[in-house]
């Protein structure tokens, strides 16, 4: 199982997720400076609000065009099973192989 991170934007009216952008692991040290993570959350497993100015900075690093004021944004983690990651590469393998 691998943990991935996303920049998630939620509709302010419905609170449903409206946009989502993958955050490469290499950017996590920079992301950590943009949010206020709990001291014991080394892997950024919890969800953290990110302010619009930092949404714009992060979006620029991701090469994404984002309306930082249109949504409520947070940085979130997801657990991705090994077989899903392999399927994303076009291969299906059993977990643990």
N, C-alpha and C. Protein backbone atom coordinates (compact mmCIF):
# COMPACT_ATOMS: atom_id res chain seq x y z
N UNK A 1 0.85 -1.17 0.00
CA UNK A 1 0.00 0.00 0.00
C UNK A 1 0.90 1.23 0.00
N UNK A 2 0.52 2.20 -0.80
CA UNK A 2 1.28 3.45 -0.89
C UNK A 2 0.36 4.60 -0.54
N UNK A 3 0.91 5.61 0.10
CA UNK A 3 0.15 6.82 0.41
C UNK A 3 0.45 7.85 -0.67
N UNK A 4 -0.61 8.42 -1.22
CA UNK A 4 -0.47 9.50 -2.18
C UNK A 4 -1.11 10.75 -1.59
N UNK A 5 -0.78 11.90 -2.14
CA UNK A 5 -1.31 13.16 -1.64
C UNK A 5 -1.95 13.94 -2.78
N UNK A 6 -3.01 14.65 -2.45
CA UNK A 6 -3.75 15.43 -3.43
C UNK A 6 -4.06 16.82 -2.88
N UNK A 7 -4.15 17.76 -3.80
CA UNK A 7 -4.71 19.08 -3.52
C UNK A 7 -6.17 18.98 -3.92
N UNK A 8 -7.07 19.09 -2.96
CA UNK A 8 -8.50 18.89 -3.19
C UNK A 8 -9.25 20.20 -3.00
N UNK A 9 -10.13 20.50 -3.95
CA UNK A 9 -10.97 21.68 -3.85
C UNK A 9 -12.42 21.27 -3.71
N UNK A 10 -13.08 21.81 -2.69
CA UNK A 10 -14.47 21.46 -2.38
C UNK A 10 -15.39 22.62 -2.72
N UNK A 11 -16.51 22.29 -3.37
CA UNK A 11 -17.53 23.28 -3.69
C UNK A 11 -18.03 23.91 -2.39
N UNK A 12 -18.09 25.21 -2.35
CA UNK A 12 -18.48 25.91 -1.12
C UNK A 12 -19.95 25.77 -0.78
N UNK A 13 -20.77 25.45 -1.76
CA UNK A 13 -22.20 25.29 -1.52
C UNK A 13 -22.56 23.86 -1.15
N UNK A 14 -22.09 22.91 -1.97
CA UNK A 14 -22.48 21.51 -1.75
C UNK A 14 -21.50 20.75 -0.86
N UNK A 15 -20.32 21.29 -0.67
CA UNK A 15 -19.20 20.66 0.05
C UNK A 15 -18.70 19.39 -0.63
N UNK A 16 -19.13 19.14 -1.86
CA UNK A 16 -18.63 17.99 -2.63
C UNK A 16 -17.29 18.34 -3.26
N UNK A 17 -16.46 17.33 -3.46
CA UNK A 17 -15.18 17.58 -4.11
C UNK A 17 -15.43 18.00 -5.55
N UNK A 18 -14.77 19.07 -5.96
CA UNK A 18 -14.96 19.62 -7.29
C UNK A 18 -13.73 19.45 -8.16
N UNK A 19 -12.54 19.59 -7.57
CA UNK A 19 -11.28 19.44 -8.31
C UNK A 19 -10.27 18.71 -7.42
N UNK A 20 -9.34 18.01 -8.08
CA UNK A 20 -8.33 17.25 -7.36
C UNK A 20 -7.08 17.17 -8.21
N UNK A 21 -5.93 17.42 -7.61
CA UNK A 21 -4.65 17.39 -8.31
C UNK A 21 -3.67 16.54 -7.51
N UNK A 22 -2.99 15.63 -8.18
CA UNK A 22 -1.98 14.80 -7.52
C UNK A 22 -0.78 15.65 -7.14
N UNK A 23 -0.24 15.41 -5.96
CA UNK A 23 0.95 16.10 -5.48
C UNK A 23 2.10 15.09 -5.48
N UNK A 24 3.14 15.32 -6.26
CA UNK A 24 4.28 14.41 -6.25
C UNK A 24 4.97 14.39 -4.88
N UNK A 25 5.47 13.25 -4.51
CA UNK A 25 6.16 13.10 -3.22
C UNK A 25 7.29 14.10 -3.07
N UNK A 26 7.97 14.42 -4.15
CA UNK A 26 9.10 15.35 -4.11
C UNK A 26 8.68 16.75 -3.63
N UNK A 27 7.41 17.09 -3.78
CA UNK A 27 6.94 18.42 -3.36
C UNK A 27 6.46 18.46 -1.91
N UNK A 28 6.38 17.32 -1.24
CA UNK A 28 5.85 17.31 0.12
C UNK A 28 6.62 18.19 1.11
N UNK A 29 7.95 18.27 1.03
CA UNK A 29 8.63 19.19 1.96
C UNK A 29 8.19 20.65 1.76
N UNK A 30 7.93 21.05 0.54
CA UNK A 30 7.45 22.41 0.28
C UNK A 30 6.01 22.56 0.76
N UNK A 31 5.18 21.55 0.50
CA UNK A 31 3.79 21.57 0.94
C UNK A 31 3.72 21.71 2.46
N UNK A 32 4.60 21.02 3.15
CA UNK A 32 4.63 21.07 4.62
C UNK A 32 4.79 22.51 5.11
N UNK A 33 5.52 23.35 4.37
CA UNK A 33 5.71 24.74 4.78
C UNK A 33 4.47 25.59 4.50
N UNK A 34 3.55 25.09 3.66
CA UNK A 34 2.36 25.84 3.28
C UNK A 34 1.17 25.56 4.20
N UNK A 35 1.25 24.50 4.95
CA UNK A 35 0.16 24.09 5.84
C UNK A 35 0.71 24.07 7.26
N UNK A 36 -0.12 23.76 8.22
CA UNK A 36 0.34 23.65 9.61
C UNK A 36 0.07 22.23 10.10
N UNK A 37 0.94 21.30 9.71
CA UNK A 37 0.70 19.90 10.10
C UNK A 37 0.90 19.67 11.59
N UNK A 38 0.19 18.68 12.10
CA UNK A 38 0.38 18.26 13.48
C UNK A 38 1.83 17.79 13.63
N UNK A 39 2.47 18.08 14.75
CA UNK A 39 3.88 17.71 14.92
C UNK A 39 4.16 16.21 14.74
N UNK A 40 3.21 15.35 15.10
CA UNK A 40 3.46 13.92 15.00
C UNK A 40 2.94 13.31 13.69
N UNK A 41 2.50 14.14 12.75
CA UNK A 41 2.00 13.66 11.46
C UNK A 41 3.12 13.75 10.41
N UNK A 42 4.12 12.91 10.58
CA UNK A 42 5.30 12.92 9.69
C UNK A 42 4.94 12.70 8.22
N UNK A 43 3.95 11.84 7.97
CA UNK A 43 3.62 11.45 6.60
C UNK A 43 2.45 12.24 6.01
N UNK A 44 2.02 13.28 6.71
CA UNK A 44 0.89 14.12 6.27
C UNK A 44 -0.33 13.26 5.93
N UNK A 45 -0.73 12.45 6.88
CA UNK A 45 -1.88 11.56 6.70
C UNK A 45 -3.20 12.31 6.92
N UNK A 46 -3.20 13.29 7.80
CA UNK A 46 -4.41 14.05 8.08
C UNK A 46 -4.68 15.05 6.95
N UNK A 47 -5.89 15.58 6.89
CA UNK A 47 -6.24 16.61 5.91
C UNK A 47 -5.93 17.98 6.51
N UNK A 48 -5.37 18.86 5.70
CA UNK A 48 -5.00 20.19 6.17
C UNK A 48 -5.50 21.27 5.20
N UNK A 49 -6.14 22.27 5.78
CA UNK A 49 -6.58 23.42 4.99
C UNK A 49 -5.35 24.12 4.43
N UNK A 50 -5.48 24.63 3.21
CA UNK A 50 -4.39 25.39 2.59
C UNK A 50 -4.97 26.70 2.07
N UNK A 51 -4.34 27.79 2.40
CA UNK A 51 -4.83 29.13 2.08
C UNK A 51 -4.70 29.42 0.57
N UNK A 52 -5.57 30.29 0.05
CA UNK A 52 -5.58 30.57 -1.40
C UNK A 52 -4.22 30.96 -1.99
N UNK A 53 -3.45 31.78 -1.28
CA UNK A 53 -2.14 32.17 -1.84
C UNK A 53 -1.22 30.96 -1.98
N UNK A 54 -1.31 30.01 -1.05
CA UNK A 54 -0.51 28.80 -1.15
C UNK A 54 -1.09 27.82 -2.17
N UNK A 55 -2.40 27.84 -2.35
CA UNK A 55 -3.01 27.04 -3.42
C UNK A 55 -2.45 27.49 -4.76
N UNK A 56 -2.37 28.81 -4.97
CA UNK A 56 -1.82 29.33 -6.23
C UNK A 56 -0.37 28.93 -6.41
N UNK A 57 0.42 29.02 -5.35
CA UNK A 57 1.84 28.62 -5.43
C UNK A 57 1.98 27.14 -5.77
N UNK A 58 1.22 26.31 -5.07
CA UNK A 58 1.29 24.87 -5.29
C UNK A 58 0.80 24.51 -6.70
N UNK A 59 -0.30 25.13 -7.11
CA UNK A 59 -0.82 24.86 -8.46
C UNK A 59 0.21 25.21 -9.52
N UNK A 60 0.92 26.30 -9.32
CA UNK A 60 1.96 26.69 -10.26
C UNK A 60 3.05 25.61 -10.33
N UNK A 61 3.45 25.07 -9.19
CA UNK A 61 4.46 24.01 -9.15
C UNK A 61 3.96 22.73 -9.82
N UNK A 62 2.64 22.52 -9.76
CA UNK A 62 2.03 21.34 -10.37
C UNK A 62 1.73 21.54 -11.85
N UNK A 63 1.88 22.77 -12.34
CA UNK A 63 1.57 23.07 -13.73
C UNK A 63 0.07 23.09 -13.98
N UNK A 64 -0.70 23.39 -12.94
CA UNK A 64 -2.16 23.39 -13.03
C UNK A 64 -2.69 24.82 -12.98
N UNK A 65 -3.80 25.03 -13.63
CA UNK A 65 -4.51 26.30 -13.55
C UNK A 65 -5.66 26.12 -12.57
N UNK A 66 -5.61 26.86 -11.48
CA UNK A 66 -6.58 26.69 -10.39
C UNK A 66 -7.16 28.04 -10.01
N UNK A 67 -8.48 28.09 -9.81
CA UNK A 67 -9.11 29.28 -9.26
C UNK A 67 -9.13 29.09 -7.74
N UNK A 68 -8.11 29.62 -7.08
CA UNK A 68 -7.91 29.38 -5.66
C UNK A 68 -9.02 29.96 -4.79
N UNK A 69 -9.77 30.91 -5.31
CA UNK A 69 -10.83 31.54 -4.53
C UNK A 69 -12.20 30.90 -4.76
N UNK A 70 -12.28 29.99 -5.72
CA UNK A 70 -13.59 29.41 -6.07
C UNK A 70 -13.99 28.24 -5.17
N UNK A 71 -13.00 27.61 -4.53
CA UNK A 71 -13.25 26.41 -3.73
C UNK A 71 -12.56 26.51 -2.38
N UNK A 72 -12.97 25.66 -1.45
CA UNK A 72 -12.23 25.48 -0.20
C UNK A 72 -11.23 24.36 -0.44
N UNK A 73 -9.94 24.67 -0.31
CA UNK A 73 -8.90 23.70 -0.63
C UNK A 73 -8.28 23.08 0.60
N UNK A 74 -7.85 21.83 0.43
CA UNK A 74 -7.10 21.14 1.47
C UNK A 74 -6.10 20.20 0.81
N UNK A 75 -5.09 19.84 1.59
CA UNK A 75 -4.13 18.82 1.18
C UNK A 75 -4.54 17.56 1.91
N UNK A 76 -4.73 16.47 1.16
CA UNK A 76 -5.23 15.23 1.74
C UNK A 76 -4.39 14.04 1.28
N UNK A 77 -4.44 12.99 2.06
CA UNK A 77 -3.72 11.76 1.73
C UNK A 77 -4.72 10.67 1.39
N UNK A 78 -4.29 9.75 0.53
CA UNK A 78 -5.07 8.57 0.18
C UNK A 78 -4.16 7.37 0.20
N UNK A 79 -4.71 6.24 0.59
CA UNK A 79 -3.97 4.98 0.53
C UNK A 79 -4.36 4.28 -0.77
N UNK A 80 -3.37 3.90 -1.54
CA UNK A 80 -3.60 3.25 -2.82
C UNK A 80 -3.06 1.83 -2.75
N UNK A 81 -3.93 0.81 -2.91
CA UNK A 81 -3.45 -0.58 -2.88
C UNK A 81 -2.47 -0.85 -4.02
N UNK A 82 -1.54 -1.75 -3.79
CA UNK A 82 -0.52 -2.07 -4.79
C UNK A 82 -1.12 -2.49 -6.13
N UNK A 83 -2.21 -3.27 -6.11
CA UNK A 83 -2.77 -3.73 -7.37
C UNK A 83 -3.37 -2.58 -8.17
N UNK A 84 -3.84 -1.54 -7.51
CA UNK A 84 -4.37 -0.37 -8.22
C UNK A 84 -3.22 0.40 -8.85
N UNK A 85 -2.14 0.56 -8.11
CA UNK A 85 -0.98 1.26 -8.67
C UNK A 85 -0.45 0.51 -9.89
N UNK A 86 -0.40 -0.81 -9.83
CA UNK A 86 0.08 -1.59 -10.97
C UNK A 86 -0.87 -1.44 -12.15
N UNK A 87 -2.18 -1.42 -11.88
CA UNK A 87 -3.16 -1.25 -12.95
C UNK A 87 -3.00 0.11 -13.62
N UNK A 88 -2.64 1.12 -12.84
CA UNK A 88 -2.39 2.43 -13.40
C UNK A 88 -1.24 2.41 -14.40
N UNK A 89 -0.32 1.47 -14.20
CA UNK A 89 0.82 1.34 -15.12
C UNK A 89 0.49 0.39 -16.27
N UNK A 90 -0.74 -0.10 -16.29
CA UNK A 90 -1.14 -0.98 -17.36
C UNK A 90 -0.89 -2.45 -17.06
N UNK A 91 -0.51 -2.77 -15.81
CA UNK A 91 -0.26 -4.14 -15.41
C UNK A 91 -1.10 -4.43 -14.18
N UNK A 92 -1.55 -5.65 -14.06
CA UNK A 92 -2.28 -6.06 -12.88
C UNK A 92 -1.47 -7.15 -12.21
N UNK A 93 -1.12 -6.93 -10.95
CA UNK A 93 -0.37 -7.92 -10.20
C UNK A 93 -1.06 -8.13 -8.86
N UNK A 94 -0.86 -9.27 -8.28
CA UNK A 94 -1.44 -9.54 -6.96
C UNK A 94 -0.66 -8.79 -5.91
N UNK A 95 -1.36 -8.32 -4.89
CA UNK A 95 -0.70 -7.64 -3.77
C UNK A 95 0.29 -8.59 -3.15
N UNK A 96 1.45 -8.06 -2.78
CA UNK A 96 2.47 -8.86 -2.12
C UNK A 96 3.38 -9.59 -3.09
N UNK A 97 3.18 -9.45 -4.40
CA UNK A 97 4.08 -10.16 -5.32
C UNK A 97 5.14 -9.22 -5.86
